[in-house]
């Protein structure tokens, strides 16, 4: 992964957060590896599988990886 990729990915992640973090189904947003494991991707943790088209497959040139984790409860 290029050294410059992470700062660029972080900026894209912030843009993604501004657009999608208010969705009540989204419980977390971070950076992870893309499916090929050769570059960054936006990881989106959701409570339930999102409706078709609710989240993009790519954003700002990065793959969007959706992970269903269920509702997160404080302990």
N, C-alpha and C. Protein backbone atom coordinates (compact mmCIF):
# COMPACT_ATOMS: atom_id res chain seq x y z
N UNK A 1 0.85 -1.17 0.00
CA UNK A 1 0.00 0.00 0.00
C UNK A 1 0.90 1.23 0.00
N UNK A 2 0.59 2.17 -0.84
CA UNK A 2 1.40 3.38 -0.93
C UNK A 2 1.34 4.16 0.37
N UNK A 3 2.47 4.77 0.72
CA UNK A 3 2.56 5.53 1.97
C UNK A 3 1.52 6.66 2.01
N UNK A 4 1.23 7.23 0.87
CA UNK A 4 0.28 8.33 0.76
C UNK A 4 -1.17 7.85 0.83
N UNK A 5 -1.39 6.57 0.66
CA UNK A 5 -2.75 6.04 0.57
C UNK A 5 -3.56 6.27 1.86
N UNK A 6 -2.94 6.10 3.02
CA UNK A 6 -3.68 6.22 4.28
C UNK A 6 -4.16 7.66 4.52
N UNK A 7 -3.30 8.69 4.38
CA UNK A 7 -3.85 10.05 4.56
C UNK A 7 -4.97 10.36 3.57
N UNK A 8 -4.82 9.94 2.33
CA UNK A 8 -5.89 10.16 1.35
C UNK A 8 -7.15 9.41 1.76
N UNK A 9 -6.99 8.16 2.20
CA UNK A 9 -8.13 7.35 2.61
C UNK A 9 -8.82 7.96 3.82
N UNK A 10 -8.05 8.52 4.74
CA UNK A 10 -8.63 9.16 5.93
C UNK A 10 -9.49 10.35 5.54
N UNK A 11 -9.04 11.13 4.60
CA UNK A 11 -9.83 12.28 4.13
C UNK A 11 -11.12 11.80 3.47
N UNK A 12 -11.04 10.73 2.70
CA UNK A 12 -12.23 10.17 2.05
C UNK A 12 -13.17 9.60 3.10
N UNK A 13 -12.62 8.96 4.13
CA UNK A 13 -13.45 8.42 5.21
C UNK A 13 -14.23 9.54 5.89
N UNK A 14 -13.59 10.67 6.13
CA UNK A 14 -14.28 11.80 6.76
C UNK A 14 -15.43 12.31 5.90
N UNK A 15 -15.22 12.33 4.58
CA UNK A 15 -16.30 12.73 3.67
C UNK A 15 -17.44 11.72 3.73
N UNK A 16 -17.10 10.43 3.77
CA UNK A 16 -18.12 9.38 3.86
C UNK A 16 -18.91 9.55 5.16
N UNK A 17 -18.20 9.78 6.28
CA UNK A 17 -18.86 9.97 7.57
C UNK A 17 -19.84 11.14 7.52
N UNK A 18 -19.43 12.25 6.90
CA UNK A 18 -20.31 13.42 6.81
C UNK A 18 -21.60 13.09 6.08
N UNK A 19 -21.52 12.19 5.13
CA UNK A 19 -22.70 11.86 4.33
C UNK A 19 -23.55 10.72 4.90
N UNK A 20 -22.93 9.76 5.59
CA UNK A 20 -23.67 8.55 5.97
C UNK A 20 -23.74 8.25 7.48
N UNK A 21 -22.99 8.94 8.31
CA UNK A 21 -22.96 8.62 9.74
C UNK A 21 -24.30 8.84 10.43
N UNK A 22 -25.15 9.71 9.91
CA UNK A 22 -26.44 9.97 10.55
C UNK A 22 -27.45 8.85 10.33
N UNK A 23 -27.16 7.93 9.42
CA UNK A 23 -28.05 6.80 9.17
C UNK A 23 -28.13 5.97 10.45
N UNK A 24 -29.31 5.76 11.02
CA UNK A 24 -29.42 5.02 12.29
C UNK A 24 -28.95 3.57 12.19
N UNK A 25 -28.87 3.02 10.99
CA UNK A 25 -28.38 1.65 10.82
C UNK A 25 -26.86 1.57 10.87
N UNK A 26 -26.18 2.68 10.66
CA UNK A 26 -24.72 2.71 10.67
C UNK A 26 -24.26 2.88 12.12
N UNK A 27 -23.50 1.91 12.61
CA UNK A 27 -23.03 1.96 13.99
C UNK A 27 -21.53 2.25 14.09
N UNK A 28 -20.83 2.23 12.97
CA UNK A 28 -19.41 2.55 12.97
C UNK A 28 -18.86 2.69 11.57
N UNK A 29 -17.84 3.53 11.43
CA UNK A 29 -17.18 3.73 10.14
C UNK A 29 -15.68 3.81 10.40
N UNK A 30 -14.92 3.07 9.62
CA UNK A 30 -13.47 3.09 9.79
C UNK A 30 -12.77 2.73 8.50
N UNK A 31 -11.47 2.51 8.58
CA UNK A 31 -10.69 2.09 7.43
C UNK A 31 -10.22 0.66 7.64
N UNK A 32 -10.22 -0.10 6.57
CA UNK A 32 -9.73 -1.47 6.59
C UNK A 32 -9.14 -1.77 5.23
N UNK A 33 -8.92 -3.04 4.97
CA UNK A 33 -8.37 -3.46 3.69
C UNK A 33 -9.49 -3.75 2.70
N UNK A 34 -9.22 -3.52 1.43
CA UNK A 34 -10.19 -3.86 0.39
C UNK A 34 -10.22 -5.37 0.19
N UNK A 35 -11.11 -5.85 -0.66
CA UNK A 35 -11.28 -7.30 -0.87
C UNK A 35 -10.01 -7.95 -1.39
N UNK A 36 -9.23 -7.24 -2.18
CA UNK A 36 -7.98 -7.79 -2.72
C UNK A 36 -6.83 -7.67 -1.72
N UNK A 37 -7.06 -7.00 -0.60
CA UNK A 37 -6.05 -6.79 0.45
C UNK A 37 -4.82 -6.06 -0.08
N UNK A 38 -5.03 -5.20 -1.08
CA UNK A 38 -3.89 -4.45 -1.62
C UNK A 38 -4.08 -2.94 -1.53
N UNK A 39 -5.06 -2.52 -0.77
CA UNK A 39 -5.31 -1.09 -0.60
C UNK A 39 -6.36 -0.86 0.45
N UNK A 40 -6.56 0.41 0.83
CA UNK A 40 -7.55 0.71 1.86
C UNK A 40 -8.97 0.65 1.33
N UNK A 41 -9.90 0.46 2.25
CA UNK A 41 -11.33 0.49 1.96
C UNK A 41 -12.02 1.15 3.14
N UNK A 42 -13.21 1.63 2.92
CA UNK A 42 -14.04 2.15 4.00
C UNK A 42 -14.83 0.98 4.57
N UNK A 43 -14.66 0.73 5.86
CA UNK A 43 -15.42 -0.31 6.54
C UNK A 43 -16.61 0.33 7.23
N UNK A 44 -17.80 -0.19 6.94
CA UNK A 44 -19.01 0.36 7.53
C UNK A 44 -19.67 -0.74 8.35
N UNK A 45 -19.79 -0.51 9.65
CA UNK A 45 -20.46 -1.45 10.54
C UNK A 45 -21.92 -1.06 10.62
N UNK A 46 -22.81 -2.01 10.37
CA UNK A 46 -24.24 -1.75 10.38
C UNK A 46 -24.96 -2.70 11.32
N UNK A 47 -26.10 -2.26 11.84
CA UNK A 47 -26.90 -3.08 12.74
C UNK A 47 -27.63 -4.18 11.98
N UNK A 48 -28.12 -3.87 10.80
CA UNK A 48 -28.87 -4.82 9.98
C UNK A 48 -28.41 -4.68 8.54
N UNK A 49 -28.58 -5.72 7.72
CA UNK A 49 -28.21 -5.58 6.31
C UNK A 49 -28.92 -4.38 5.70
N UNK A 50 -28.18 -3.50 5.04
CA UNK A 50 -28.81 -2.31 4.48
C UNK A 50 -29.66 -2.62 3.26
N UNK A 51 -30.64 -1.78 3.01
CA UNK A 51 -31.47 -1.91 1.81
C UNK A 51 -30.58 -1.68 0.59
N UNK A 52 -30.94 -2.30 -0.50
CA UNK A 52 -30.19 -2.13 -1.74
C UNK A 52 -30.06 -0.65 -2.07
N UNK A 53 -28.85 -0.21 -2.34
CA UNK A 53 -28.61 1.18 -2.70
C UNK A 53 -28.48 2.14 -1.53
N UNK A 54 -28.69 1.66 -0.30
CA UNK A 54 -28.60 2.56 0.85
C UNK A 54 -27.17 3.04 1.07
N UNK A 55 -26.20 2.20 0.75
CA UNK A 55 -24.79 2.54 0.86
C UNK A 55 -24.13 2.27 -0.48
N UNK A 56 -23.18 3.11 -0.88
CA UNK A 56 -22.53 2.88 -2.17
C UNK A 56 -21.54 1.72 -2.11
N UNK A 57 -21.25 1.12 -3.25
CA UNK A 57 -20.23 0.06 -3.33
C UNK A 57 -18.84 0.67 -3.33
N UNK A 58 -18.72 1.90 -3.84
CA UNK A 58 -17.46 2.64 -3.85
C UNK A 58 -17.77 4.08 -3.46
N UNK A 59 -16.78 4.73 -2.84
CA UNK A 59 -16.94 6.13 -2.45
C UNK A 59 -15.57 6.78 -2.54
N UNK A 60 -15.47 7.86 -3.29
CA UNK A 60 -14.20 8.57 -3.41
C UNK A 60 -13.07 7.71 -3.95
N UNK A 61 -13.41 6.70 -4.73
CA UNK A 61 -12.40 5.81 -5.28
C UNK A 61 -12.06 4.63 -4.39
N UNK A 62 -12.64 4.56 -3.20
CA UNK A 62 -12.38 3.44 -2.29
C UNK A 62 -13.55 2.46 -2.29
N UNK A 63 -13.25 1.20 -2.15
CA UNK A 63 -14.28 0.17 -1.98
C UNK A 63 -14.95 0.38 -0.62
N UNK A 64 -16.25 0.16 -0.56
CA UNK A 64 -16.99 0.23 0.70
C UNK A 64 -17.32 -1.20 1.12
N UNK A 65 -16.82 -1.59 2.28
CA UNK A 65 -17.04 -2.94 2.82
C UNK A 65 -18.05 -2.82 3.95
N UNK A 66 -19.20 -3.47 3.78
CA UNK A 66 -20.27 -3.42 4.78
C UNK A 66 -20.19 -4.67 5.64
N UNK A 67 -20.16 -4.48 6.97
CA UNK A 67 -20.08 -5.58 7.92
C UNK A 67 -21.27 -5.48 8.87
N UNK A 68 -22.12 -6.51 8.87
CA UNK A 68 -23.28 -6.53 9.75
C UNK A 68 -22.83 -7.02 11.12
N UNK A 69 -22.97 -6.16 12.14
CA UNK A 69 -22.52 -6.49 13.49
C UNK A 69 -23.66 -6.53 14.50
N UNK A 70 -24.86 -6.13 14.10
CA UNK A 70 -25.96 -6.07 15.04
C UNK A 70 -25.91 -4.76 15.82
N UNK A 71 -26.86 -4.58 16.72
CA UNK A 71 -26.92 -3.38 17.54
C UNK A 71 -25.79 -3.43 18.56
N UNK A 72 -25.10 -2.34 18.75
CA UNK A 72 -24.02 -2.26 19.73
C UNK A 72 -24.59 -1.67 21.01
N UNK A 73 -24.40 -2.39 22.12
CA UNK A 73 -24.94 -1.99 23.41
C UNK A 73 -23.80 -1.65 24.37
N UNK A 74 -23.91 -0.56 25.11
CA UNK A 74 -22.88 -0.26 26.12
C UNK A 74 -23.01 -1.23 27.29
N UNK A 75 -21.90 -1.56 27.89
CA UNK A 75 -21.91 -2.46 29.06
C UNK A 75 -21.33 -1.77 30.25
